[in-house]
C-alpha atoms as a PDB file:
ATOM      1  CA  MET A   1      71.212 -21.016 -27.113  1.00  0.00           C
ATOM      2  CA  SER A   2      72.189 -22.902 -23.928  1.00  0.00           C
ATOM      3  CA  ASP A   3      70.154 -23.044 -20.732  1.00  0.00           C
ATOM      4  CA  THR A   4      72.543 -20.654 -18.979  1.00  0.00           C
ATOM      5  CA  ASN A   5      72.291 -18.130 -21.813  1.00  0.00           C
ATOM      6  CA  SER A   6      68.480 -18.288 -21.808  1.00  0.00           C
ATOM      7  CA  LEU A   7      68.404 -17.645 -18.079  1.00  0.00           C
ATOM      8  CA  GLU A   8      70.892 -14.765 -18.430  1.00  0.00           C
ATOM      9  CA  VAL A   9      68.839 -13.221 -21.255  1.00  0.00           C
ATOM     10  CA  LEU A  10      65.772 -13.387 -19.023  1.00  0.00           C
ATOM     11  CA  ILE A  11      67.591 -11.711 -16.140  1.00  0.00           C
ATOM     12  CA  GLN A  12      68.901  -8.952 -18.430  1.00  0.00           C
ATOM     13  CA  ALA A  13      65.441  -8.429 -19.843  1.00  0.00           C
ATOM     14  CA  LEU A  14      63.972  -8.027 -16.325  1.00  0.00           C
ATOM     15  CA  ARG A  15      66.742  -5.560 -15.461  1.00  0.00           C
ATOM     16  CA  ARG A  16      65.253  -3.168 -18.084  1.00  0.00           C
ATOM     17  CA  LEU A  17      62.413  -2.481 -15.626  1.00  0.00           C
ATOM     18  CA  PRO A  18      62.859   0.703 -13.542  1.00  0.00           C
ATOM     19  CA  GLY A  19      64.400   0.127 -10.142  1.00  0.00           C
ATOM     20  CA  VAL A  20      65.255  -3.534 -10.862  1.00  0.00           C
ATOM     21  CA  GLY A  21      68.900  -4.447 -10.363  1.00  0.00           C
ATOM     22  CA  VAL A  22      70.666  -7.697 -10.996  1.00  0.00           C
ATOM     23  CA  LYS A  23      69.670  -9.231  -7.623  1.00  0.00           C
ATOM     24  CA  SER A  24      65.988  -8.406  -8.034  1.00  0.00           C
ATOM     25  CA  ALA A  25      65.975  -9.552 -11.627  1.00  0.00           C
ATOM     26  CA  SER A  26      67.654 -12.845 -10.691  1.00  0.00           C
ATOM     27  CA  ARG A  27      65.132 -13.389  -7.854  1.00  0.00           C
ATOM     28  CA  MET A  28      62.228 -12.786 -10.214  1.00  0.00           C
ATOM     29  CA  ALA A  29      63.605 -15.044 -12.943  1.00  0.00           C
ATOM     30  CA  PHE A  30      64.324 -17.883 -10.544  1.00  0.00           C
ATOM     31  CA  HIS A  31      60.882 -17.520  -8.917  1.00  0.00           C
ATOM     32  CA  LEU A  32      59.061 -17.591 -12.202  1.00  0.00           C
ATOM     33  CA  LEU A  33      60.974 -20.578 -13.542  1.00  0.00           C
ATOM     34  CA  GLN A  34      60.975 -22.565 -10.315  1.00  0.00           C
ATOM     35  CA  HIS A  35      57.659 -21.747  -8.710  1.00  0.00           C
ATOM     36  CA  ASP A  36      55.331 -20.152 -11.258  1.00  0.00           C
ATOM     37  CA  ARG A  37      55.861 -21.327 -14.828  1.00  0.00           C
ATOM     38  CA  PRO A  38      52.174 -20.678 -15.678  1.00  0.00           C
ATOM     39  CA  GLY A  39      52.662 -17.116 -14.363  1.00  0.00           C
ATOM     40  CA  ALA A  40      55.770 -16.741 -16.524  1.00  0.00           C
ATOM     41  CA  LEU A  41      53.814 -17.767 -19.612  1.00  0.00           C
ATOM     42  CA  ALA A  42      50.881 -15.502 -18.723  1.00  0.00           C
ATOM     43  CA  LEU A  43      53.390 -12.584 -18.260  1.00  0.00           C
ATOM     44  CA  SER A  44      54.988 -13.386 -21.620  1.00  0.00           C
ATOM     45  CA  ARG A  45      51.642 -13.478 -23.398  1.00  0.00           C
ATOM     46  CA  ALA A  46      50.410 -10.275 -21.755  1.00  0.00           C
ATOM     47  CA  LEU A  47      53.574  -8.418 -22.660  1.00  0.00           C
ATOM     48  CA  GLN A  48      53.389  -9.621 -26.275  1.00  0.00           C
ATOM     49  CA  ALA A  49      49.722  -8.676 -26.548  1.00  0.00           C
ATOM     50  CA  ALA A  50      50.351  -5.227 -25.095  1.00  0.00           C
ATOM     51  CA  VAL A  51      53.306  -4.570 -27.370  1.00  0.00           C
ATOM     52  CA  ASP A  52      51.241  -5.636 -30.396  1.00  0.00           C
ATOM     53  CA  SER A  53      48.054  -3.723 -29.595  1.00  0.00           C
ATOM     54  CA  VAL A  54      48.752  -0.704 -27.344  1.00  0.00           C
ATOM     55  CA  ARG A  55      49.569   2.578 -29.073  1.00  0.00           C
ATOM     56  CA  HIS A  56      49.362   6.299 -28.366  1.00  0.00           C
ATOM     57  CA  CYS A  57      46.029   8.175 -28.615  1.00  0.00           C
ATOM     58  CA  GLU A  58      46.037  10.501 -31.641  1.00  0.00           C
ATOM     59  CA  ARG A  59      44.624  13.392 -29.542  1.00  0.00           C
ATOM     60  CA  CYS A  60      46.261  13.160 -26.085  1.00  0.00           C
ATOM     61  CA  HIS A  61      49.152  10.631 -26.519  1.00  0.00           C
ATOM     62  CA  THR A  62      48.111   8.333 -23.638  1.00  0.00           C
ATOM     63  CA  PHE A  63      48.103   4.578 -24.119  1.00  0.00           C
ATOM     64  CA  THR A  64      45.089   3.034 -25.853  1.00  0.00           C
ATOM     65  CA  GLN A  65      44.188   0.165 -28.096  1.00  0.00           C
ATOM     66  CA  ALA A  66      42.060   2.443 -30.345  1.00  0.00           C
ATOM     67  CA  ASP A  67      43.040   5.415 -32.449  1.00  0.00           C
ATOM     68  CA  VAL A  68      41.492   7.734 -29.869  1.00  0.00           C
ATOM     69  CA  CYS A  69      41.272   6.829 -26.169  1.00  0.00           C
ATOM     70  CA  ALA A  70      38.065   6.449 -24.174  1.00  0.00           C
ATOM     71  CA  THR A  71      38.825   9.613 -22.136  1.00  0.00           C
ATOM     72  CA  CYS A  72      39.074  11.805 -25.233  1.00  0.00           C
ATOM     73  CA  LEU A  73      35.860  10.266 -26.610  1.00  0.00           C
ATOM     74  CA  ASP A  74      33.904  10.631 -23.366  1.00  0.00           C
ATOM     75  CA  PRO A  75      31.207  13.342 -23.874  1.00  0.00           C
ATOM     76  CA  GLN A  76      30.929  13.694 -20.111  1.00  0.00           C
ATOM     77  CA  ARG A  77      34.471  15.117 -19.839  1.00  0.00           C
ATOM     78  CA  ASP A  78      34.910  18.884 -19.571  1.00  0.00           C
ATOM     79  CA  ALA A  79      36.555  19.877 -22.857  1.00  0.00           C
ATOM     80  CA  SER A  80      37.309  23.394 -21.549  1.00  0.00           C
ATOM     81  CA  LYS A  81      39.990  22.003 -19.231  1.00  0.00           C
ATOM     82  CA  LEU A  82      43.254  20.416 -20.522  1.00  0.00           C
ATOM     83  CA  CYS A  83      45.610  18.880 -17.996  1.00  0.00           C
ATOM     84  CA  VAL A  84      49.194  18.511 -19.180  1.00  0.00           C
ATOM     85  CA  VAL A  85      51.173  15.577 -17.710  1.00  0.00           C
ATOM     86  CA  GLU A  86      54.546  14.067 -18.494  1.00  0.00           C
ATOM     87  CA  THR A  87      53.589  10.382 -18.912  1.00  0.00           C
ATOM     88  CA  PRO A  88      50.610   8.004 -19.192  1.00  0.00           C
ATOM     89  CA  ALA A  89      51.480   6.869 -15.634  1.00  0.00           C
ATOM     90  CA  ASP A  90      50.989  10.436 -14.383  1.00  0.00           C
ATOM     91  CA  GLN A  91      47.611  10.605 -16.147  1.00  0.00           C
ATOM     92  CA  SER A  92      46.605   7.270 -14.580  1.00  0.00           C
ATOM     93  CA  ALA A  93      47.525   8.624 -11.120  1.00  0.00           C
ATOM     94  CA  LEU A  94      45.385  11.725 -11.626  1.00  0.00           C
ATOM     95  CA  GLU A  95      42.452   9.611 -12.931  1.00  0.00           C
ATOM     96  CA  ARG A  96      42.595   7.342  -9.854  1.00  0.00           C
ATOM     97  CA  THR A  97      41.835  10.381  -7.627  1.00  0.00           C
ATOM     98  CA  GLY A  98      38.450  10.874  -9.331  1.00  0.00           C
ATOM     99  CA  ALA A  99      38.893  14.627  -8.743  1.00  0.00           C
ATOM    100  CA  TYR A 100      39.505  15.710 -12.350  1.00  0.00           C
ATOM    101  CA  LYS A 101      36.861  15.477 -15.094  1.00  0.00           C
ATOM    102  CA  GLY A 102      38.564  17.367 -17.938  1.00  0.00           C
ATOM    103  CA  LEU A 103      40.777  16.159 -20.779  1.00  0.00           C
ATOM    104  CA  TYR A 104      44.513  15.478 -20.905  1.00  0.00           C
ATOM    105  CA  PHE A 105      47.594  15.974 -22.999  1.00  0.00           C
ATOM    106  CA  VAL A 106      50.486  13.565 -22.317  1.00  0.00           C
ATOM    107  CA  LEU A 107      53.883  15.057 -23.207  1.00  0.00           C
ATOM    108  CA  MET A 108      55.690  11.712 -23.215  1.00  0.00           C
ATOM    109  CA  GLY A 109      58.528  13.245 -21.283  1.00  0.00           C
ATOM    110  CA  LYS A 110      59.955  16.535 -20.080  1.00  0.00           C
ATOM    111  CA  LEU A 111      62.447  19.047 -21.410  1.00  0.00           C
ATOM    112  CA  SER A 112      66.013  18.077 -20.581  1.00  0.00           C
ATOM    113  CA  PRO A 113      68.608  19.970 -22.670  1.00  0.00           C
ATOM    114  CA  LEU A 114      71.438  18.060 -21.024  1.00  0.00           C
ATOM    115  CA  ASP A 115      69.952  14.802 -22.395  1.00  0.00           C
ATOM    116  CA  GLY A 116      69.190  16.390 -25.756  1.00  0.00           C
ATOM    117  CA  ILE A 117      65.408  16.441 -25.184  1.00  0.00           C
ATOM    118  CA  GLY A 118      63.882  19.652 -26.599  1.00  0.00           C
ATOM    119  CA  PRO A 119      60.399  21.015 -27.377  1.00  0.00           C
ATOM    120  CA  LYS A 120      60.036  18.912 -30.577  1.00  0.00           C
ATOM    121  CA  ASP A 121      60.853  15.695 -28.698  1.00  0.00           C
ATOM    122  CA  ILE A 122      57.949  16.078 -26.288  1.00  0.00           C
ATOM    123  CA  GLY A 123      55.397  17.435 -28.780  1.00  0.00           C
ATOM    124  CA  LEU A 124      54.987  20.982 -27.612  1.00  0.00           C
ATOM    125  CA  LYS A 125      53.716  22.204 -30.970  1.00  0.00           C
ATOM    126  CA  LYS A 126      50.960  19.590 -30.910  1.00  0.00           C
ATOM    127  CA  LEU A 127      50.142  20.634 -27.367  1.00  0.00           C
ATOM    128  CA  PHE A 128      49.889  24.338 -28.341  1.00  0.00           C
ATOM    129  CA  ASP A 129      47.678  23.438 -31.312  1.00  0.00           C
ATOM    130  CA  ARG A 130      45.430  21.353 -29.063  1.00  0.00           C
ATOM    131  CA  ALA A 131      45.249  24.053 -26.326  1.00  0.00           C
ATOM    132  CA  CYS A 132      44.273  26.653 -28.908  1.00  0.00           C
ATOM    133  CA  ASP A 133      41.568  24.553 -30.587  1.00  0.00           C
ATOM    134  CA  GLY A 134      38.798  26.921 -29.437  1.00  0.00           C
ATOM    135  CA  SER A 135      37.247  24.739 -26.750  1.00  0.00           C
ATOM    136  CA  VAL A 136      40.074  24.768 -24.147  1.00  0.00           C
ATOM    137  CA  GLN A 137      39.823  27.636 -21.675  1.00  0.00           C
ATOM    138  CA  GLU A 138      42.166  26.417 -18.919  1.00  0.00           C
ATOM    139  CA  VAL A 139      45.457  24.552 -19.206  1.00  0.00           C
ATOM    140  CA  ILE A 140      46.438  22.821 -15.968  1.00  0.00           C
ATOM    141  CA  LEU A 141      50.216  22.219 -15.775  1.00  0.00           C
ATOM    142  CA  ALA A 142      50.661  18.938 -13.919  1.00  0.00           C
ATOM    143  CA  THR A 143      54.297  18.246 -14.719  1.00  0.00           C
ATOM    144  CA  ASN A 144      56.440  16.873 -11.920  1.00  0.00           C
ATOM    145  CA  PHE A 145      58.105  19.169  -9.393  1.00  0.00           C
ATOM    146  CA  THR A 146      61.635  18.324 -10.562  1.00  0.00           C
ATOM    147  CA  ALA A 147      63.928  20.829 -12.173  1.00  0.00           C
ATOM    148  CA  GLU A 148      63.039  19.449 -15.615  1.00  0.00           C
ATOM    149  CA  GLY A 149      59.333  19.379 -14.817  1.00  0.00           C
ATOM    150  CA  GLU A 150      59.404  22.948 -13.598  1.00  0.00           C
ATOM    151  CA  ALA A 151      61.349  24.066 -16.701  1.00  0.00           C
ATOM    152  CA  THR A 152      58.802  22.236 -18.904  1.00  0.00           C
ATOM    153  CA  ALA A 153      55.886  23.942 -17.119  1.00  0.00           C
ATOM    154  CA  HIS A 154      57.631  27.331 -17.515  1.00  0.00           C
ATOM    155  CA  VAL A 155      58.186  26.893 -21.241  1.00  0.00           C
ATOM    156  CA  ILE A 156      54.551  25.775 -21.765  1.00  0.00           C
ATOM    157  CA  SER A 157      53.202  28.708 -19.759  1.00  0.00           C
ATOM    158  CA  GLU A 158      55.380  31.188 -21.661  1.00  0.00           C
ATOM    159  CA  GLY A 159      54.205  29.717 -24.975  1.00  0.00           C
ATOM    160  CA  LEU A 160      50.514  29.846 -24.067  1.00  0.00           C
ATOM    161  CA  LYS A 161      50.469  33.068 -22.010  1.00  0.00           C
ATOM    162  CA  ALA A 162      49.634  35.401 -24.933  1.00  0.00           C
ATOM    163  CA  ARG A 163      46.872  33.134 -26.258  1.00  0.00           C
ATOM    164  CA  GLY A 164      44.169  34.128 -23.784  1.00  0.00           C
ATOM    165  CA  LEU A 165      44.096  30.867 -21.894  1.00  0.00           C
ATOM    166  CA  ARG A 166      43.949  30.534 -18.136  1.00  0.00           C
ATOM    167  CA  LEU A 167      47.092  28.728 -16.945  1.00  0.00           C
ATOM    168  CA  THR A 168      47.195  26.982 -13.607  1.00  0.00           C
ATOM    169  CA  ARG A 169      49.763  24.750 -11.885  1.00  0.00           C
ATOM    170  CA  LEU A 170      49.182  21.910  -9.492  1.00  0.00           C
ATOM    171  CA  ALA A 171      49.483  23.058  -5.882  1.00  0.00           C
ATOM    172  CA  ARG A 172      52.532  22.050  -3.862  1.00  0.00           C
ATOM    173  CA  GLY A 173      52.585  21.558  -0.180  1.00  0.00           C
ATOM    174  CA  VAL A 174      52.492  19.384   2.864  1.00  0.00           C
ATOM    175  CA  PRO A 175      51.050  15.920   2.231  1.00  0.00           C
ATOM    176  CA  VAL A 176      47.781  15.008   3.900  1.00  0.00           C
ATOM    177  CA  GLY A 177      48.356  13.136   7.156  1.00  0.00           C
ATOM    178  CA  SER A 178      51.976  14.248   7.602  1.00  0.00           C
ATOM    179  CA  GLU A 179      53.651  15.866  10.542  1.00  0.00           C
ATOM    180  CA  LEU A 180      55.654  19.001   9.897  1.00  0.00           C
ATOM    181  CA  GLU A 181      58.753  17.860  11.735  1.00  0.00           C
ATOM    182  CA  TYR A 182      59.102  14.951   9.220  1.00  0.00           C
ATOM    183  CA  VAL A 183      58.396  16.947   6.029  1.00  0.00           C
ATOM    184  CA  ASP A 184      61.440  18.128   3.993  1.00  0.00           C
ATOM    185  CA  LEU A 185      62.257  21.809   4.249  1.00  0.00           C
ATOM    186  CA  GLY A 186      61.717  22.498   0.502  1.00  0.00           C
ATOM    187  CA  THR A 187      58.104  21.189   0.715  1.00  0.00           C
ATOM    188  CA  ILE A 188      57.431  23.301   3.820  1.00  0.00           C
ATOM    189  CA  ALA A 189      58.865  26.405   2.072  1.00  0.00           C
ATOM    190  CA  HIS A 190      56.677  25.846  -1.035  1.00  0.00           C
ATOM    191  CA  ALA A 191      53.639  25.264   1.191  1.00  0.00           C
ATOM    192  CA  LEU A 192      54.218  28.610   2.916  1.00  0.00           C
ATOM    193  CA  VAL A 193      54.679  30.518  -0.347  1.00  0.00           C
ATOM    194  CA  ASP A 194      51.639  28.840  -1.995  1.00  0.00           C
ATOM    195  CA  ARG A 195      49.398  29.067   1.116  1.00  0.00           C
ATOM    196  CA  ARG A 196      45.740  30.001   0.624  1.00  0.00           C
END
């Protein structure tokens, strides 16, 4: 493989990252090769190690190096609460708040019939089995507020409604520190409807 091909392969590999176009990928590749070769090697080793050792938790589907993640094994977590999120990144964001002490179930996506993604593809049966394990009393639907996330939350709530579980949804509203004149109208409308 020639030098030009190796560089192009690197640029194309970097373009696989979300939000990275050809210019950004080129800038990263040139920076790493010209100014930070040790950083490029560290990045390469870290990626290889993560690909080799990181897998999905058998209970909640988040990323872990063990069969069951530390959150699922933590006896201090409230097993009566199960928060349903779309991705491990969503779970990580909730964890960083420090406000939630229950357990999680990571769907690994959202329903999207137009893209051919149905209930089996995101593990809804496994979620329903987990939610009905006898210890869960409340299922918190923390899917995103997109059309697909709303549809996913609706299907989950319909599937669990008759099973005696308390179902809640993350609140929507005006972000802390924002001024109403700069908030989009949809957010203001939801904040009015969901006011407390």
